Amino acid sequence: MSARTGVVAIGRNEGERLVACLRSLRSEGAAAIVYVDSGSTDGSVAAAEALGAETVRLDMSVPFTAARARNAGIARLNERAAPFFIQVIDGDCTLAPGWLARAEQFLDAHRDFAVVCGRRRERRPEASVYNRLCDIEWDTPVGEAAACGGDALMRAEALAAVGFYRENLVAGEEPELCLRLREKGWKIWRLDADMTTHDAAITAFRQWWTRMTRTGHAFAEVSALHRRSPLRIWRRETLRAVLWASIAPLAIVLALTVSPGFLLLLVAYPAQAFRLWLNVRARLGPDAAAWATMTVVGRFAEASGVLRFYGGRLAGQRSALFEYK
């Protein structure tokens, strides 16, 4: 890797996943690696230092967010020698061989692009339906994009121009950052290349539900934050979650107060799942039914996140459930 690129990895209690992450970075010749730890109790800091990474321990008296961790890592890189490019990566991911060279080459050739990302793959999609859903989610369209995820190579000057990540966001910090970059005229590109391998390790419905609730919270918070932006972000997704989740309670209330016939409104859910299945069956094959079903179920979790955000805002409180971990 060129000495122009610095790497920021973040994590909390990632264990062997962090070791694998840092080893993948070293194998790519990363000249500067900073690991930012958010209160780990599993020896992550010592493991990172043993592998040659600089470490930053976040102040535990301040609520953790991934955005805050990434900013702290970027600040440490800038203390050393301001890098030209910055690769951000989550501690539960490993970097694909050759990714950094290819991503650097793209940004060198396209000066109007601030961010380049690639294909994030799930390490064990066969382990659970939830891991398979994650792997499907990571398979985003190739070409110019509206946003990236937690792993990407970024132009340092562009990050500085927009003030880096917004640290108080509990989720959705990458699309929010990309929106501000696009407002300044920068572009984002998704390469047709493997970038990272992710280890979600989601084996229980509760874990998946919490993840989807975080997604709904991000929809609501980021769309509210940028409600006046002409680029519009996640307004439709926020309304969609609330509207679909509202059908069931509305049907029950009307059935109890007006007529039992209103329970027929519940047919909207299997009908929507069937419609979604028809749309993706050719692309997803045997996973299409699970994806369609869980997408419909997920609207309830997303709506829960939306309600948590607005409820917390009315009460003047931060959503503690969603602290980064």
Protein backbone atom coordinates (compact mmCIF):
# COMPACT_ATOMS: atom_id res chain seq x y z
CA MET A 1 0.00 0.00 0.00
CA SER A 2 1.15 3.55 -0.68
CA ALA A 3 2.43 5.58 2.24
CA ARG A 4 -0.27 8.09 1.27
CA THR A 5 -2.95 5.93 2.88
CA GLY A 6 -3.72 5.53 6.57
CA VAL A 7 -6.13 2.96 7.99
CA VAL A 8 -8.61 3.35 10.84
CA ALA A 9 -10.12 0.21 12.36
CA ILE A 10 -12.72 0.43 15.12
CA GLY A 11 -14.21 -2.14 17.45
CA ARG A 12 -15.30 -3.31 20.84
CA ASN A 13 -14.72 -6.84 22.14
CA GLU A 14 -14.13 -8.25 18.66
CA GLY A 15 -11.67 -10.89 19.90
CA GLU A 16 -10.19 -13.02 17.13
CA ARG A 17 -12.14 -11.07 14.53
CA LEU A 18 -10.01 -8.02 15.33
CA VAL A 19 -6.81 -10.05 15.12
CA ALA A 20 -7.87 -11.28 11.67
CA CYS A 21 -8.74 -7.72 10.65
CA LEU A 22 -5.37 -6.28 11.63
CA ARG A 23 -3.45 -9.14 10.06
CA SER A 24 -5.29 -8.57 6.78
CA LEU A 25 -4.26 -4.91 6.91
CA ARG A 26 -0.64 -5.77 7.60
CA SER A 27 -0.59 -8.27 4.75
CA GLU A 28 -1.62 -5.46 2.41
CA GLY A 29 1.38 -3.44 3.55
CA ALA A 30 -0.53 -0.82 5.48
CA ALA A 31 2.02 1.74 6.60
CA ALA A 32 -0.13 3.39 9.28
CA ILE A 33 -2.83 1.50 11.16
CA VAL A 34 -4.81 3.01 14.02
CA TYR A 35 -7.16 0.88 16.08
CA VAL A 36 -9.79 2.76 18.10
CA ASP A 37 -11.23 0.81 21.00
CA SER A 38 -14.63 1.52 22.54
CA GLY A 39 -14.27 0.06 26.02
CA SER A 40 -13.24 -3.52 25.25
CA THR A 41 -12.76 -5.92 28.12
CA ASP A 42 -11.32 -8.83 26.10
CA GLY A 43 -7.74 -7.66 25.63
CA SER A 44 -8.37 -6.10 22.23
CA VAL A 45 -6.04 -3.15 22.85
CA ALA A 46 -3.12 -5.38 23.84
CA ALA A 47 -3.75 -7.64 20.84
CA ALA A 48 -3.79 -4.63 18.49
CA GLU A 49 -0.56 -3.27 19.93
CA ALA A 50 1.09 -6.68 19.60
CA LEU A 51 0.24 -6.59 15.91
CA GLY A 52 1.86 -3.19 15.47
CA ALA A 53 -1.23 -0.96 15.40
CA GLU A 54 -1.38 2.36 17.16
CA THR A 55 -4.26 2.37 19.61
CA VAL A 56 -6.71 4.94 20.86
CA ARG A 57 -8.93 4.26 23.87
CA LEU A 58 -12.12 6.29 23.84
CA ASP A 59 -13.16 8.06 27.02
CA MET A 60 -15.75 5.76 28.58
CA SER A 61 -17.61 8.66 30.23
CA VAL A 62 -18.85 9.79 26.80
CA PRO A 63 -21.41 7.63 24.90
CA PHE A 64 -19.82 5.49 22.21
CA THR A 65 -20.67 5.85 18.53
CA ALA A 66 -18.93 4.42 15.50
CA ALA A 67 -18.68 7.95 14.09
CA ARG A 68 -16.86 9.18 17.19
CA ALA A 69 -14.46 6.23 17.02
CA ARG A 70 -13.64 6.85 13.36
CA ASN A 71 -13.04 10.55 13.95
CA ALA A 72 -10.68 9.72 16.81
CA GLY A 73 -8.73 7.39 14.55
CA ILE A 74 -8.53 9.96 11.77
CA ALA A 75 -7.31 12.55 14.27
CA ARG A 76 -4.51 10.20 15.38
CA LEU A 77 -3.48 9.61 11.77
CA ASN A 78 -3.33 13.35 11.21
CA GLU A 79 -1.10 13.74 14.26
CA ARG A 80 1.46 11.44 12.60
CA ALA A 81 1.45 12.76 9.05
CA ALA A 82 -1.74 13.75 7.29
CA PRO A 83 -2.57 10.92 4.84
CA PHE A 84 -3.84 11.52 1.33
CA PHE A 85 -6.37 8.69 1.57
CA ILE A 86 -8.01 7.06 4.59
CA GLN A 87 -9.33 3.49 4.64
CA VAL A 88 -11.97 2.93 7.31
CA ILE A 89 -12.86 -0.59 8.35
CA ASP A 90 -14.85 -2.25 11.11
CA GLY A 91 -12.97 -4.54 13.46
CA ASP A 92 -15.17 -7.51 12.53
CA CYS A 93 -14.04 -7.33 8.90
CA THR A 94 -10.96 -8.43 6.98
CA LEU A 95 -9.59 -6.57 3.98
CA ALA A 96 -9.62 -8.31 0.60
CA PRO A 97 -6.21 -8.82 -1.02
CA GLY A 98 -5.46 -6.13 -3.58
CA TRP A 99 -8.33 -3.86 -2.52
CA LEU A 100 -6.24 -0.89 -1.39
CA ALA A 101 -4.19 -0.72 -4.57
CA ARG A 102 -7.27 -0.89 -6.77
CA ALA A 103 -9.20 1.68 -4.72
CA GLU A 104 -6.25 4.09 -4.65
CA GLN A 105 -5.89 3.75 -8.41
CA PHE A 106 -9.53 4.68 -8.90
CA LEU A 107 -9.35 7.81 -6.73
CA ASP A 108 -6.10 8.86 -8.42
CA ALA A 109 -7.84 8.65 -11.79
CA HIS A 110 -11.09 10.34 -10.71
CA ARG A 111 -10.41 13.56 -8.85
CA ASP A 112 -14.09 14.42 -8.37
CA PHE A 113 -14.74 11.27 -6.31
CA ALA A 114 -14.32 11.42 -2.54
CA VAL A 115 -15.19 7.82 -1.65
CA VAL A 116 -14.76 4.44 -3.26
CA CYS A 117 -16.15 1.21 -1.85
CA GLY A 118 -16.50 -2.36 -3.08
CA ARG A 119 -18.24 -5.62 -2.28
CA ARG A 120 -18.52 -6.50 1.37
CA ARG A 121 -19.18 -10.21 1.80
CA GLU A 122 -20.52 -12.07 4.79
CA ARG A 123 -18.04 -14.63 6.14
CA ARG A 124 -20.54 -17.38 6.98
CA PRO A 125 -23.80 -16.74 5.13
CA GLU A 126 -24.75 -20.39 5.56
CA ALA A 127 -24.67 -20.14 9.38
CA SER A 128 -28.07 -18.44 9.70
CA VAL A 129 -30.80 -16.80 7.69
CA TYR A 130 -29.78 -13.50 9.29
CA ASN A 131 -26.22 -13.79 7.99
CA ARG A 132 -27.61 -14.52 4.52
CA LEU A 133 -29.75 -11.40 4.73
CA CYS A 134 -26.65 -9.38 5.59
CA ASP A 135 -24.79 -10.80 2.61
CA ILE A 136 -27.68 -9.83 0.34
CA GLU A 137 -27.70 -6.33 1.85
CA TRP A 138 -23.99 -5.87 1.12
CA ASP A 139 -24.51 -6.65 -2.59
CA THR A 140 -25.14 -3.08 -3.72
CA PRO A 141 -25.19 -1.89 -7.36
CA VAL A 142 -21.89 -1.18 -9.09
CA GLY A 143 -21.30 2.38 -10.26
CA GLU A 144 -21.97 5.82 -8.87
CA ALA A 145 -23.65 5.53 -5.48
CA ALA A 146 -25.44 7.73 -2.99
CA ALA A 147 -23.54 6.33 -0.02
CA CYS A 148 -21.05 3.80 1.27
CA GLY A 149 -21.07 1.56 4.33
CA GLY A 150 -18.65 1.25 7.22
CA ASP A 151 -15.76 0.12 5.00
CA ALA A 152 -14.43 2.47 2.30
CA LEU A 153 -11.41 4.35 1.01
CA MET A 154 -11.89 8.10 1.36
CA ARG A 155 -10.07 11.19 0.17
CA ALA A 156 -8.73 12.92 3.29
CA GLU A 157 -9.20 16.45 1.96
CA ALA A 158 -12.88 15.77 1.23
CA LEU A 159 -13.46 14.43 4.76
CA ALA A 160 -11.84 17.51 6.25
CA ALA A 161 -13.88 19.83 4.03
CA VAL A 162 -17.18 18.55 5.46
CA GLY A 163 -16.05 18.20 9.07
CA PHE A 164 -15.61 14.41 9.15
CA TYR A 165 -18.26 12.09 10.65
CA ARG A 166 -21.14 13.48 12.73
CA GLU A 167 -20.24 12.02 16.13
CA ASN A 168 -23.64 12.20 17.83
CA LEU A 169 -25.35 9.88 15.34
CA VAL A 170 -26.04 6.48 16.84
CA ALA A 171 -26.39 4.86 13.39
CA GLY A 172 -26.40 5.82 9.72
CA GLU A 173 -23.26 7.93 10.00
CA GLU A 174 -21.82 6.83 6.62
CA PRO A 175 -24.83 7.79 4.42
CA GLU A 176 -25.11 11.05 6.37
CA LEU A 177 -21.45 11.82 5.69
CA CYS A 178 -21.86 10.92 2.02
CA LEU A 179 -24.86 13.24 1.73
CA ARG A 180 -22.77 16.15 3.00
CA LEU A 181 -20.00 15.22 0.57
CA ARG A 182 -22.44 15.13 -2.34
CA GLU A 183 -23.83 18.52 -1.31
CA LYS A 184 -20.29 19.85 -1.76
CA GLY A 185 -20.04 18.35 -5.25
CA TRP A 186 -18.09 15.19 -4.40
CA LYS A 187 -19.09 11.78 -5.74
CA ILE A 188 -19.12 8.18 -4.42
CA TRP A 189 -18.32 5.09 -6.49
CA ARG A 190 -18.89 1.39 -5.91
CA LEU A 191 -16.27 -0.75 -7.66
CA ASP A 192 -16.99 -4.23 -8.98
CA ALA A 193 -14.37 -5.71 -6.66
CA ASP A 194 -14.20 -7.53 -3.33
CA MET A 195 -13.39 -5.10 -0.52
CA THR A 196 -13.95 -6.78 2.85
CA THR A 197 -15.30 -9.91 4.47
CA HIS A 198 -17.64 -9.25 7.39
CA ASP A 199 -18.51 -11.48 10.32
CA ALA A 200 -21.98 -10.52 11.52
CA ALA A 201 -22.37 -13.63 13.70
CA ILE A 202 -26.14 -13.09 13.95
CA THR A 203 -27.71 -16.34 15.07
CA ALA A 204 -30.80 -15.18 16.98
CA PHE A 205 -33.93 -13.28 16.01
CA ARG A 206 -33.34 -10.82 18.86
CA GLN A 207 -29.98 -9.77 17.38
CA TRP A 208 -31.50 -9.25 13.95
CA TRP A 209 -34.44 -7.31 15.42
CA THR A 210 -32.07 -4.95 17.27
CA ARG A 211 -30.12 -4.40 14.06
CA MET A 212 -33.29 -3.53 12.15
CA THR A 213 -34.44 -1.24 14.96
CA ARG A 214 -31.13 0.62 14.67
CA THR A 215 -31.82 0.93 10.95
CA GLY A 216 -35.20 2.54 11.60
CA HIS A 217 -33.66 4.88 14.15
CA ALA A 218 -31.07 5.93 11.55
CA PHE A 219 -33.79 6.49 8.93
CA ALA A 220 -35.65 8.84 11.26
CA GLU A 221 -32.67 10.69 12.72
CA VAL A 222 -30.79 11.33 9.48
CA SER A 223 -33.90 12.23 7.48
CA ALA A 224 -34.94 14.70 10.20
CA LEU A 225 -31.45 16.18 10.30
CA HIS A 226 -31.45 16.79 6.55
CA ARG A 227 -35.14 17.45 6.02
CA ARG A 228 -34.34 20.62 4.05
CA SER A 229 -31.68 19.06 1.84
CA PRO A 230 -32.59 18.89 -1.86
CA LEU A 231 -30.91 15.47 -1.99
CA ARG A 232 -33.49 13.99 0.41
CA ILE A 233 -32.33 11.06 2.44
CA TRP A 234 -34.41 8.30 4.03
CA ARG A 235 -37.67 10.27 4.20
CA ARG A 236 -39.44 7.65 2.12
CA GLU A 237 -37.92 4.79 4.13
CA THR A 238 -39.06 6.37 7.41
CA LEU A 239 -42.63 6.84 6.22
CA ARG A 240 -42.70 3.36 4.67
CA ALA A 241 -41.75 1.70 7.95
CA VAL A 242 -44.37 3.60 9.93
CA LEU A 243 -47.13 3.05 7.39
CA TRP A 244 -46.59 -0.70 7.07
CA ALA A 245 -46.30 -1.18 10.83
CA SER A 246 -49.51 0.82 11.33
CA ILE A 247 -51.71 -1.54 9.31
CA ALA A 248 -51.86 -4.27 11.98
CA PRO A 249 -52.87 -2.10 14.96
CA LEU A 250 -55.30 -0.16 12.78
CA ALA A 251 -56.93 -3.39 11.57
CA ILE A 252 -57.28 -4.68 15.13
CA VAL A 253 -58.75 -1.43 16.45
CA LEU A 254 -61.25 -1.19 13.58
CA ALA A 255 -62.16 -4.88 13.96
CA LEU A 256 -62.91 -4.36 17.65
CA THR A 257 -64.77 -1.07 17.28
CA VAL A 258 -66.41 -1.21 13.84
CA SER A 259 -66.45 -4.62 12.15
CA PRO A 260 -64.43 -7.86 12.26
CA GLY A 261 -64.16 -7.56 8.50
CA PHE A 262 -61.37 -5.02 8.93
CA LEU A 263 -59.09 -7.90 9.87
CA LEU A 264 -58.86 -8.49 6.13
CA LEU A 265 -56.44 -5.58 6.09
CA LEU A 266 -53.87 -7.99 7.52
CA VAL A 267 -53.78 -9.73 4.14
CA ALA A 268 -51.63 -6.78 3.04
CA TYR A 269 -48.62 -8.37 4.73
CA PRO A 270 -48.51 -11.73 2.93
CA ALA A 271 -49.51 -9.94 -0.27
CA GLN A 272 -46.54 -7.60 0.07
CA ALA A 273 -44.19 -10.48 0.85
CA PHE A 274 -45.43 -12.29 -2.27
CA ARG A 275 -44.92 -9.17 -4.39
CA LEU A 276 -41.37 -8.75 -3.09
CA TRP A 277 -40.65 -12.43 -3.73
CA LEU A 278 -41.78 -12.08 -7.35
CA ASN A 279 -39.45 -9.10 -7.79
CA VAL A 280 -36.31 -10.85 -6.52
CA ARG A 281 -36.81 -14.57 -7.16
CA ALA A 282 -34.68 -14.54 -10.30
CA ARG A 283 -31.80 -12.74 -8.58
CA LEU A 284 -31.89 -14.36 -5.13
CA GLY A 285 -33.12 -17.83 -6.03
CA PRO A 286 -33.79 -19.96 -2.90
CA ASP A 287 -33.11 -16.98 -0.61
CA ALA A 288 -35.90 -14.91 -2.17
CA ALA A 289 -38.67 -16.15 0.11
CA ALA A 290 -36.68 -15.54 3.31
CA TRP A 291 -35.63 -12.09 2.13
CA ALA A 292 -39.19 -11.10 1.21
CA THR A 293 -40.67 -12.40 4.47
CA MET A 294 -38.04 -10.82 6.71
CA THR A 295 -38.28 -7.53 4.82
CA VAL A 296 -41.96 -7.32 5.73
CA VAL A 297 -41.33 -8.37 9.35
CA GLY A 298 -38.46 -5.89 9.51
CA ARG A 299 -40.82 -2.96 8.92
CA PHE A 300 -42.08 -3.42 12.48
CA ALA A 301 -38.55 -3.23 13.87
CA GLU A 302 -37.77 -0.19 11.74
CA ALA A 303 -40.94 1.52 12.95
CA SER A 304 -39.88 0.77 16.52
CA GLY A 305 -36.61 2.58 15.82
CA VAL A 306 -38.46 5.54 14.31
CA LEU A 307 -40.68 5.79 17.38
CA ARG A 308 -37.68 5.52 19.70
CA PHE A 309 -35.99 8.40 17.92
CA TYR A 310 -38.99 10.73 17.99
CA GLY A 311 -39.93 9.67 21.51
CA GLY A 312 -36.42 10.37 22.70
CA ARG A 313 -36.35 13.72 20.95
CA LEU A 314 -39.61 14.78 22.56
CA ALA A 315 -38.25 13.72 25.94
CA GLY A 316 -34.89 15.36 25.29
CA GLN A 317 -33.09 12.04 25.74
CA ARG A 318 -30.58 10.07 23.71
CA SER A 319 -31.38 6.49 22.72
CA ALA A 320 -29.05 4.57 25.04
CA LEU A 321 -30.06 1.27 23.45
CA PHE A 322 -28.26 2.23 20.29
CA GLU A 323 -24.83 3.07 21.65
CA TYR A 324 -22.17 1.58 19.43
CA LYS A 325 -20.87 -1.76 20.64
